[in-house]
């Protein structure tokens, strides 16, 4: 498993989304925390033919967007779509 910095533009949201909505207030609070202390846990993505699919860390990814960041630290895992949705 690799841990690398990935451009946010190269990440697509998963087809299976466990959270129905992302609360803007919560995302802004998370963005403030990331700005002050940094990203503690990288997001998890899987490699696609082009770019990456988000497996875990939707809120952290959106918080980076709120901060205007271009990249985010991510763990790259290899798993099929079914494992990504349930694992």
C-alpha atoms as a PDB file:
ATOM      1  CA  UNK A   1       0.000   0.000   0.000  1.00  0.00           C
ATOM      2  CA  UNK A   2       1.452   3.337  -1.073  1.00  0.00           C
ATOM      3  CA  UNK A   3       0.928   6.648   0.718  1.00  0.00           C
ATOM      4  CA  UNK A   4       1.240   9.540  -1.718  1.00  0.00           C
ATOM      5  CA  UNK A   5      -0.007  13.070  -2.368  1.00  0.00           C
ATOM      6  CA  UNK A   6      -2.744  13.087  -4.999  1.00  0.00           C
ATOM      7  CA  UNK A   7      -4.320  16.011  -6.846  1.00  0.00           C
ATOM      8  CA  UNK A   8      -7.910  16.532  -5.694  1.00  0.00           C
ATOM      9  CA  UNK A   9      -8.912  16.874  -9.356  1.00  0.00           C
ATOM     10  CA  UNK A  10      -7.796  13.261  -9.924  1.00  0.00           C
ATOM     11  CA  UNK A  11     -10.188  11.852  -7.287  1.00  0.00           C
ATOM     12  CA  UNK A  12     -13.768  10.823  -8.043  1.00  0.00           C
ATOM     13  CA  UNK A  13     -16.453  10.236  -5.418  1.00  0.00           C
ATOM     14  CA  UNK A  14     -17.410   6.589  -4.868  1.00  0.00           C
ATOM     15  CA  UNK A  15     -20.492   5.143  -6.537  1.00  0.00           C
ATOM     16  CA  UNK A  16     -21.559   3.873  -3.086  1.00  0.00           C
ATOM     17  CA  UNK A  17     -21.899   6.771  -0.628  1.00  0.00           C
ATOM     18  CA  UNK A  18     -22.637   5.750   2.982  1.00  0.00           C
ATOM     19  CA  UNK A  19     -23.450   9.342   4.018  1.00  0.00           C
ATOM     20  CA  UNK A  20     -26.464  10.853   2.310  1.00  0.00           C
ATOM     21  CA  UNK A  21     -25.431  14.455   2.877  1.00  0.00           C
ATOM     22  CA  UNK A  22     -22.310  16.290   3.889  1.00  0.00           C
ATOM     23  CA  UNK A  23     -23.083  18.962   6.450  1.00  0.00           C
ATOM     24  CA  UNK A  24     -21.325  22.164   5.426  1.00  0.00           C
ATOM     25  CA  UNK A  25     -20.873  23.266   9.040  1.00  0.00           C
ATOM     26  CA  UNK A  26     -19.099  20.003   9.878  1.00  0.00           C
ATOM     27  CA  UNK A  27     -16.883  20.261   6.803  1.00  0.00           C
ATOM     28  CA  UNK A  28     -15.907  23.834   7.716  1.00  0.00           C
ATOM     29  CA  UNK A  29     -15.044  22.763  11.285  1.00  0.00           C
ATOM     30  CA  UNK A  30     -12.947  19.902   9.922  1.00  0.00           C
ATOM     31  CA  UNK A  31     -11.245  22.300   7.493  1.00  0.00           C
ATOM     32  CA  UNK A  32     -10.351  24.589  10.402  1.00  0.00           C
ATOM     33  CA  UNK A  33      -8.881  21.645  12.303  1.00  0.00           C
ATOM     34  CA  UNK A  34      -6.858  20.501   9.278  1.00  0.00           C
ATOM     35  CA  UNK A  35      -5.587  24.041   8.763  1.00  0.00           C
ATOM     36  CA  UNK A  36      -4.467  24.272  12.408  1.00  0.00           C
ATOM     37  CA  UNK A  37      -2.972  20.817  13.014  1.00  0.00           C
ATOM     38  CA  UNK A  38      -2.798  19.162   9.598  1.00  0.00           C
ATOM     39  CA  UNK A  39      -4.306  15.996   8.195  1.00  0.00           C
ATOM     40  CA  UNK A  40      -3.888  13.245  10.807  1.00  0.00           C
ATOM     41  CA  UNK A  41      -5.232  10.319   8.770  1.00  0.00           C
ATOM     42  CA  UNK A  42      -4.798  10.137   5.007  1.00  0.00           C
ATOM     43  CA  UNK A  43      -7.819   9.416   2.846  1.00  0.00           C
ATOM     44  CA  UNK A  44      -8.055   5.998   1.170  1.00  0.00           C
ATOM     45  CA  UNK A  45      -8.363   5.674  -2.602  1.00  0.00           C
ATOM     46  CA  UNK A  46      -8.112   2.938  -5.187  1.00  0.00           C
ATOM     47  CA  UNK A  47      -6.434   3.352  -8.550  1.00  0.00           C
ATOM     48  CA  UNK A  48      -8.685   3.533 -11.591  1.00  0.00           C
ATOM     49  CA  UNK A  49      -7.686   3.440 -15.252  1.00  0.00           C
ATOM     50  CA  UNK A  50      -7.666   7.241 -15.019  1.00  0.00           C
ATOM     51  CA  UNK A  51      -7.270   8.798 -11.593  1.00  0.00           C
ATOM     52  CA  UNK A  52      -8.511   7.433  -8.283  1.00  0.00           C
ATOM     53  CA  UNK A  53     -11.811   6.539  -6.619  1.00  0.00           C
ATOM     54  CA  UNK A  54     -12.377   7.667  -3.046  1.00  0.00           C
ATOM     55  CA  UNK A  55     -12.845   4.699  -0.691  1.00  0.00           C
ATOM     56  CA  UNK A  56     -12.731   6.491   2.684  1.00  0.00           C
ATOM     57  CA  UNK A  57     -12.353  10.121   3.715  1.00  0.00           C
ATOM     58  CA  UNK A  58     -15.082  12.023   1.896  1.00  0.00           C
ATOM     59  CA  UNK A  59     -15.291  14.713   4.602  1.00  0.00           C
ATOM     60  CA  UNK A  60     -11.498  15.126   4.717  1.00  0.00           C
ATOM     61  CA  UNK A  61     -11.402  15.432   0.927  1.00  0.00           C
ATOM     62  CA  UNK A  62     -14.138  18.080   0.908  1.00  0.00           C
ATOM     63  CA  UNK A  63     -12.444  19.946   3.771  1.00  0.00           C
ATOM     64  CA  UNK A  64      -9.275  20.169   1.655  1.00  0.00           C
ATOM     65  CA  UNK A  65     -11.378  21.625  -1.180  1.00  0.00           C
ATOM     66  CA  UNK A  66     -12.833  24.228   1.219  1.00  0.00           C
ATOM     67  CA  UNK A  67      -9.260  25.173   2.162  1.00  0.00           C
ATOM     68  CA  UNK A  68      -8.360  25.608  -1.515  1.00  0.00           C
ATOM     69  CA  UNK A  69      -5.733  22.873  -1.390  1.00  0.00           C
ATOM     70  CA  UNK A  70      -4.697  21.198  -4.632  1.00  0.00           C
ATOM     71  CA  UNK A  71      -3.475  17.890  -3.175  1.00  0.00           C
ATOM     72  CA  UNK A  72      -4.232  15.521  -0.312  1.00  0.00           C
ATOM     73  CA  UNK A  73      -2.297  12.668   1.277  1.00  0.00           C
ATOM     74  CA  UNK A  74      -3.835   9.313   0.404  1.00  0.00           C
ATOM     75  CA  UNK A  75      -3.313   5.604   0.937  1.00  0.00           C
ATOM     76  CA  UNK A  76      -3.656   3.774  -2.359  1.00  0.00           C
ATOM     77  CA  UNK A  77      -5.228   0.340  -1.943  1.00  0.00           C
ATOM     78  CA  UNK A  78      -6.026  -2.369  -4.441  1.00  0.00           C
ATOM     79  CA  UNK A  79      -9.539  -3.751  -4.133  1.00  0.00           C
ATOM     80  CA  UNK A  80     -12.556  -4.286  -6.312  1.00  0.00           C
ATOM     81  CA  UNK A  81     -15.695  -2.133  -6.152  1.00  0.00           C
ATOM     82  CA  UNK A  82     -17.591  -4.506  -3.874  1.00  0.00           C
ATOM     83  CA  UNK A  83     -14.760  -4.617  -1.312  1.00  0.00           C
ATOM     84  CA  UNK A  84     -14.415  -0.824  -1.486  1.00  0.00           C
ATOM     85  CA  UNK A  85     -18.114  -0.323  -0.738  1.00  0.00           C
ATOM     86  CA  UNK A  86     -18.218  -2.706   2.204  1.00  0.00           C
ATOM     87  CA  UNK A  87     -14.684  -2.750   3.537  1.00  0.00           C
END
